[in-house]
């Protein structure tokens, strides 16, 4: 009789544990970067930004951000760390290439940042 209550309770507990564990953000790769390149036109000036986040479990090293006309060098990005860069005026405004060790190569075109509605 007790087995009738134990088995469904164990199944419900296992399902709840699985849901909990899958809802926790975990790095799925040892080495991974997320790169976002965007342009923001706020009607006063046009600004370009490159955001790099280490989404892996380990440090990523020797990060090179190639703007086409010059490069930025970042020696190390730790897991979870976010780097925000502002390219110089002479940088290419079409795309940015990010390389890093081990074996990371990402090319991103600049996207337009969504406009916010201004309330007066």
N, C-alpha and C. Protein backbone atom coordinates (compact mmCIF):
# COMPACT_ATOMS: atom_id res chain seq x y z
N UNK A 1 0.82 -1.20 0.00
CA UNK A 1 0.00 0.00 0.00
C UNK A 1 0.86 1.26 0.00
N UNK A 2 1.94 1.24 0.76
CA UNK A 2 2.81 2.42 0.82
C UNK A 2 3.51 2.65 -0.50
N UNK A 3 3.75 1.60 -1.26
CA UNK A 3 4.41 1.72 -2.56
C UNK A 3 3.60 2.57 -3.53
N UNK A 4 2.29 2.54 -3.40
CA UNK A 4 1.41 3.33 -4.26
C UNK A 4 1.69 4.82 -4.09
N UNK A 5 2.04 5.25 -2.88
CA UNK A 5 2.31 6.67 -2.61
C UNK A 5 3.77 7.05 -2.88
N UNK A 6 4.67 6.11 -2.69
CA UNK A 6 6.09 6.41 -2.83
C UNK A 6 6.49 6.61 -4.29
N UNK A 7 6.02 5.76 -5.19
CA UNK A 7 6.42 5.84 -6.59
C UNK A 7 5.95 7.16 -7.23
N UNK A 8 4.67 7.55 -7.12
CA UNK A 8 4.27 8.83 -7.72
C UNK A 8 5.01 10.02 -7.09
N UNK A 9 5.26 9.97 -5.81
CA UNK A 9 5.98 11.05 -5.15
C UNK A 9 7.41 11.15 -5.68
N UNK A 10 8.05 10.02 -5.89
CA UNK A 10 9.41 10.01 -6.42
C UNK A 10 9.44 10.53 -7.86
N UNK A 11 8.44 10.17 -8.65
CA UNK A 11 8.37 10.65 -10.03
C UNK A 11 8.16 12.16 -10.06
N UNK A 12 7.26 12.66 -9.24
CA UNK A 12 7.01 14.11 -9.18
C UNK A 12 8.27 14.83 -8.71
N UNK A 13 8.95 14.28 -7.73
CA UNK A 13 10.20 14.88 -7.25
C UNK A 13 11.27 14.92 -8.32
N UNK A 14 11.39 13.85 -9.09
CA UNK A 14 12.39 13.80 -10.16
C UNK A 14 12.06 14.82 -11.26
N UNK A 15 10.79 14.96 -11.59
CA UNK A 15 10.38 15.93 -12.61
C UNK A 15 10.66 17.35 -12.12
N UNK A 16 10.34 17.64 -10.87
CA UNK A 16 10.59 18.97 -10.32
C UNK A 16 12.09 19.28 -10.29
N UNK A 17 12.91 18.30 -9.95
CA UNK A 17 14.36 18.49 -9.94
C UNK A 17 14.88 18.75 -11.35
N UNK A 18 14.36 18.02 -12.32
CA UNK A 18 14.79 18.22 -13.72
C UNK A 18 14.40 19.62 -14.20
N UNK A 19 13.21 20.08 -13.87
CA UNK A 19 12.79 21.43 -14.26
C UNK A 19 13.68 22.47 -13.61
N UNK A 20 13.98 22.29 -12.35
CA UNK A 20 14.84 23.24 -11.63
C UNK A 20 16.23 23.29 -12.25
N UNK A 21 16.81 22.14 -12.53
CA UNK A 21 18.17 22.11 -13.07
C UNK A 21 18.25 22.68 -14.48
N UNK A 22 17.21 22.50 -15.28
CA UNK A 22 17.24 23.06 -16.63
C UNK A 22 16.96 24.55 -16.65
N UNK A 23 16.40 25.09 -15.58
CA UNK A 23 16.13 26.53 -15.55
C UNK A 23 17.34 27.34 -15.10
N UNK A 24 18.35 26.69 -14.54
CA UNK A 24 19.57 27.38 -14.11
C UNK A 24 20.47 27.56 -15.33
N UNK A 25 20.86 28.82 -15.63
CA UNK A 25 21.76 29.00 -16.77
C UNK A 25 23.13 28.39 -16.49
N UNK A 26 23.55 27.50 -17.35
CA UNK A 26 24.85 26.86 -17.18
C UNK A 26 25.60 26.95 -18.51
N UNK A 27 26.88 27.16 -18.40
CA UNK A 27 27.71 27.19 -19.60
C UNK A 27 27.75 25.78 -20.18
N UNK A 28 27.49 25.67 -21.47
CA UNK A 28 27.45 24.35 -22.08
C UNK A 28 28.76 23.98 -22.77
N UNK A 29 29.62 24.98 -22.99
CA UNK A 29 30.89 24.72 -23.66
C UNK A 29 32.03 25.17 -22.76
N UNK A 30 33.18 24.57 -22.97
CA UNK A 30 34.36 24.99 -22.21
C UNK A 30 34.81 26.39 -22.63
N UNK A 31 34.80 26.66 -23.94
CA UNK A 31 35.27 27.94 -24.47
C UNK A 31 34.22 28.49 -25.44
N UNK A 32 33.65 29.65 -25.10
CA UNK A 32 32.63 30.24 -25.97
C UNK A 32 32.53 31.74 -25.72
N UNK A 33 32.32 32.48 -26.78
CA UNK A 33 32.09 33.92 -26.69
C UNK A 33 30.77 34.25 -27.37
N UNK A 34 30.09 35.25 -26.82
CA UNK A 34 28.92 35.82 -27.47
C UNK A 34 29.29 37.24 -27.86
N UNK A 35 29.07 37.60 -29.11
CA UNK A 35 29.44 38.92 -29.61
C UNK A 35 28.20 39.62 -30.15
N UNK A 36 28.01 40.87 -29.75
CA UNK A 36 26.93 41.70 -30.28
C UNK A 36 27.54 43.00 -30.77
N UNK A 37 27.31 43.32 -32.02
CA UNK A 37 27.81 44.57 -32.62
C UNK A 37 26.60 45.38 -33.05
N UNK A 38 26.48 46.59 -32.52
CA UNK A 38 25.30 47.38 -32.85
C UNK A 38 25.64 48.86 -33.00
N UNK A 39 24.74 49.54 -33.71
CA UNK A 39 24.85 50.99 -33.84
C UNK A 39 23.60 51.61 -33.24
N UNK A 40 23.80 52.69 -32.51
CA UNK A 40 22.72 53.36 -31.80
C UNK A 40 22.65 54.80 -32.28
N UNK A 41 21.56 55.14 -32.94
CA UNK A 41 21.36 56.50 -33.42
C UNK A 41 20.30 57.14 -32.54
N UNK A 42 20.73 58.05 -31.66
CA UNK A 42 19.79 58.69 -30.73
C UNK A 42 19.37 60.08 -31.21
N UNK A 43 19.40 60.31 -32.51
CA UNK A 43 19.04 61.58 -33.15
C UNK A 43 20.05 62.69 -32.90
N UNK A 44 20.97 62.52 -32.00
CA UNK A 44 22.01 63.51 -31.73
C UNK A 44 23.34 63.04 -32.32
N UNK A 45 23.61 61.75 -32.17
CA UNK A 45 24.87 61.19 -32.68
C UNK A 45 24.70 59.70 -32.92
N UNK A 46 25.55 59.17 -33.76
CA UNK A 46 25.56 57.75 -34.07
C UNK A 46 26.72 57.12 -33.34
N UNK A 47 26.41 56.13 -32.48
CA UNK A 47 27.45 55.45 -31.70
C UNK A 47 27.47 53.97 -32.07
N UNK A 48 28.68 53.43 -32.15
CA UNK A 48 28.87 52.01 -32.42
C UNK A 48 29.40 51.35 -31.16
N UNK A 49 28.94 50.13 -30.88
CA UNK A 49 29.39 49.38 -29.71
C UNK A 49 29.60 47.92 -30.10
N UNK A 50 30.57 47.29 -29.45
CA UNK A 50 30.79 45.86 -29.57
C UNK A 50 30.80 45.31 -28.15
N UNK A 51 29.91 44.35 -27.89
CA UNK A 51 29.81 43.73 -26.57
C UNK A 51 30.26 42.28 -26.70
N UNK A 52 31.21 41.89 -25.86
CA UNK A 52 31.74 40.52 -25.88
C UNK A 52 31.52 39.92 -24.50
N UNK A 53 30.90 38.73 -24.45
CA UNK A 53 30.65 38.04 -23.19
C UNK A 53 31.23 36.64 -23.28
N UNK A 54 31.98 36.24 -22.26
CA UNK A 54 32.48 34.87 -22.19
C UNK A 54 31.36 34.00 -21.62
N UNK A 55 30.75 33.19 -22.47
CA UNK A 55 29.66 32.32 -22.05
C UNK A 55 30.13 30.89 -21.78
N UNK A 56 31.43 30.67 -21.83
CA UNK A 56 31.98 29.35 -21.58
C UNK A 56 32.33 29.13 -20.11
N UNK A 57 32.87 27.95 -19.82
CA UNK A 57 33.25 27.60 -18.45
C UNK A 57 34.67 28.01 -18.10
N UNK A 58 35.50 28.29 -19.12
CA UNK A 58 36.91 28.60 -18.90
C UNK A 58 37.27 29.97 -19.45
N UNK A 59 38.42 30.48 -19.01
CA UNK A 59 38.93 31.74 -19.54
C UNK A 59 39.19 31.60 -21.04
N UNK A 60 38.90 32.68 -21.77
CA UNK A 60 39.24 32.77 -23.19
C UNK A 60 40.40 33.76 -23.27
N UNK A 61 41.44 33.41 -24.01
CA UNK A 61 42.65 34.23 -24.04
C UNK A 61 42.95 34.75 -25.44
N UNK A 62 43.83 35.75 -25.47
CA UNK A 62 44.31 36.34 -26.73
C UNK A 62 43.16 36.74 -27.65
N UNK A 63 42.24 37.52 -27.11
CA UNK A 63 41.07 37.97 -27.86
C UNK A 63 41.49 39.15 -28.74
N UNK A 64 41.23 39.05 -30.03
CA UNK A 64 41.54 40.12 -30.98
C UNK A 64 40.22 40.57 -31.60
N UNK A 65 39.95 41.87 -31.48
CA UNK A 65 38.76 42.47 -32.08
C UNK A 65 39.24 43.28 -33.28
N UNK A 66 38.92 42.80 -34.48
CA UNK A 66 39.39 43.41 -35.73
C UNK A 66 38.28 44.24 -36.34
N UNK A 67 38.50 45.56 -36.37
CA UNK A 67 37.52 46.50 -36.93
C UNK A 67 37.75 46.77 -38.41
N UNK A 68 38.73 46.14 -39.00
CA UNK A 68 39.04 46.35 -40.41
C UNK A 68 40.19 47.31 -40.61
N UNK A 69 40.20 48.43 -39.88
CA UNK A 69 41.27 49.42 -40.02
C UNK A 69 42.25 49.37 -38.86
N UNK A 70 41.87 48.74 -37.77
CA UNK A 70 42.76 48.56 -36.62
C UNK A 70 42.19 47.44 -35.75
N UNK A 71 42.95 47.03 -34.73
CA UNK A 71 42.55 45.92 -33.86
C UNK A 71 42.70 46.31 -32.40
N UNK A 72 41.80 45.78 -31.56
CA UNK A 72 41.94 45.85 -30.11
C UNK A 72 42.36 44.47 -29.63
N UNK A 73 43.19 44.43 -28.58
CA UNK A 73 43.66 43.16 -28.02
C UNK A 73 43.23 43.08 -26.56
N UNK A 74 42.61 41.96 -26.19
CA UNK A 74 42.21 41.70 -24.81
C UNK A 74 42.91 40.41 -24.39
N UNK A 75 43.81 40.48 -23.41
CA UNK A 75 44.58 39.28 -23.03
C UNK A 75 43.73 38.13 -22.51
N UNK A 76 42.68 38.43 -21.73
CA UNK A 76 41.90 37.36 -21.10
C UNK A 76 40.50 37.87 -20.78
N UNK A 77 39.50 37.00 -21.00
CA UNK A 77 38.14 37.27 -20.56
C UNK A 77 37.71 36.08 -19.72
N UNK A 78 37.34 36.35 -18.48
CA UNK A 78 36.93 35.28 -17.55
C UNK A 78 35.49 34.86 -17.80
N UNK A 79 35.10 33.66 -17.37
CA UNK A 79 33.72 33.20 -17.55
C UNK A 79 32.73 34.20 -16.94
N UNK A 80 31.71 34.55 -17.72
CA UNK A 80 30.70 35.49 -17.26
C UNK A 80 31.07 36.95 -17.42
N UNK A 81 32.32 37.24 -17.73
CA UNK A 81 32.77 38.63 -17.86
C UNK A 81 32.27 39.23 -19.17
N UNK A 82 31.88 40.52 -19.09
CA UNK A 82 31.38 41.26 -20.25
C UNK A 82 32.32 42.43 -20.53
N UNK A 83 32.70 42.58 -21.79
CA UNK A 83 33.56 43.68 -22.24
C UNK A 83 32.74 44.51 -23.23
N UNK A 84 32.72 45.83 -23.03
CA UNK A 84 32.02 46.73 -23.94
C UNK A 84 33.06 47.65 -24.58
N UNK A 85 33.11 47.64 -25.91
CA UNK A 85 34.08 48.43 -26.65
C UNK A 85 33.38 49.45 -27.54
N UNK A 86 34.01 50.59 -27.72
CA UNK A 86 33.53 51.62 -28.64
C UNK A 86 34.59 51.81 -29.72
N UNK A 87 34.31 51.36 -30.94
CA UNK A 87 35.30 51.52 -32.01
C UNK A 87 35.59 52.99 -32.31
N UNK A 88 36.81 53.24 -32.75
CA UNK A 88 37.19 54.60 -33.16
C UNK A 88 36.41 55.00 -34.40
N UNK A 89 36.45 56.29 -34.70
CA UNK A 89 35.72 56.82 -35.86
C UNK A 89 36.21 56.24 -37.18
N UNK A 90 37.49 55.86 -37.26
CA UNK A 90 38.03 55.34 -38.52
C UNK A 90 37.80 53.84 -38.71
N UNK A 91 37.06 53.21 -37.80
CA UNK A 91 36.79 51.77 -37.90
C UNK A 91 35.77 51.49 -39.00
N UNK A 92 35.84 50.29 -39.56
CA UNK A 92 34.84 49.85 -40.53
C UNK A 92 33.48 49.82 -39.85
N UNK A 93 32.47 50.30 -40.53
CA UNK A 93 31.13 50.38 -39.95
C UNK A 93 30.21 49.27 -40.48
N UNK A 94 30.80 48.25 -41.06
CA UNK A 94 30.00 47.17 -41.61
C UNK A 94 30.01 45.93 -40.74
N UNK A 95 31.20 45.52 -40.31
CA UNK A 95 31.30 44.28 -39.53
C UNK A 95 32.51 44.34 -38.62
N UNK A 96 32.54 43.41 -37.67
CA UNK A 96 33.66 43.26 -36.75
C UNK A 96 33.98 41.76 -36.67
N UNK A 97 35.26 41.45 -36.59
CA UNK A 97 35.70 40.06 -36.49
C UNK A 97 36.39 39.86 -35.15
N UNK A 98 35.96 38.84 -34.41
CA UNK A 98 36.55 38.53 -33.10
C UNK A 98 37.16 37.14 -33.17
N UNK A 99 38.45 37.06 -32.83
CA UNK A 99 39.13 35.77 -32.75
C UNK A 99 39.71 35.62 -31.36
N UNK A 100 39.86 34.37 -30.92
CA UNK A 100 40.41 34.11 -29.59
C UNK A 100 40.90 32.67 -29.54
N UNK A 101 41.69 32.40 -28.52
CA UNK A 101 42.16 31.04 -28.30
C UNK A 101 41.33 30.42 -27.19
N UNK A 102 40.92 29.20 -27.37
CA UNK A 102 41.25 28.27 -28.44
C UNK A 102 40.19 28.23 -29.53
N UNK A 103 40.59 28.45 -30.74
CA UNK A 103 39.79 28.22 -31.96
C UNK A 103 38.44 28.93 -32.00
N UNK A 104 38.41 30.21 -31.62
CA UNK A 104 37.17 30.98 -31.71
C UNK A 104 37.32 31.99 -32.85
N UNK A 105 36.32 32.02 -33.73
CA UNK A 105 36.31 32.94 -34.86
C UNK A 105 34.86 33.36 -35.09
N UNK A 106 34.57 34.64 -34.86
CA UNK A 106 33.20 35.15 -34.97
C UNK A 106 33.21 36.42 -35.82
N UNK A 107 32.33 36.49 -36.81
CA UNK A 107 32.16 37.71 -37.61
C UNK A 107 30.73 38.19 -37.39
N UNK A 108 30.60 39.46 -37.02
CA UNK A 108 29.27 40.05 -36.79
C UNK A 108 29.12 41.33 -37.58
N UNK A 109 27.99 41.47 -38.25
CA UNK A 109 27.65 42.74 -38.88
C UNK A 109 26.99 43.62 -37.83
N UNK A 110 27.21 44.92 -37.95
CA UNK A 110 26.56 45.84 -37.02
C UNK A 110 25.06 45.85 -37.29
N UNK A 111 24.28 45.73 -36.25
CA UNK A 111 22.83 45.78 -36.37
C UNK A 111 22.34 47.11 -35.82
N UNK A 112 21.16 47.53 -36.26
CA UNK A 112 20.55 48.74 -35.73
C UNK A 112 19.89 48.42 -34.40
N UNK A 113 20.16 49.23 -33.41
CA UNK A 113 19.52 49.08 -32.11
C UNK A 113 18.09 49.57 -32.21
N UNK A 114 17.16 48.86 -31.62
CA UNK A 114 15.75 49.26 -31.67
C UNK A 114 15.56 50.63 -31.05
N UNK A 115 14.74 51.44 -31.70
CA UNK A 115 14.46 52.79 -31.20
C UNK A 115 13.47 52.71 -30.04
N UNK A 116 13.73 53.53 -29.04
CA UNK A 116 12.80 53.64 -27.91
C UNK A 116 11.85 54.81 -28.19
N UNK A 117 10.61 54.64 -27.83
CA UNK A 117 9.64 55.71 -28.01
C UNK A 117 9.86 56.75 -26.92
N UNK A 118 9.99 58.00 -27.34
CA UNK A 118 10.21 59.08 -26.38
C UNK A 118 8.88 59.67 -25.96
N UNK A 119 8.71 59.83 -24.66
CA UNK A 119 7.49 60.43 -24.12
C UNK A 119 7.83 61.82 -23.64
N UNK A 120 7.09 62.80 -24.12
CA UNK A 120 7.36 64.20 -23.74
C UNK A 120 6.36 64.67 -22.73
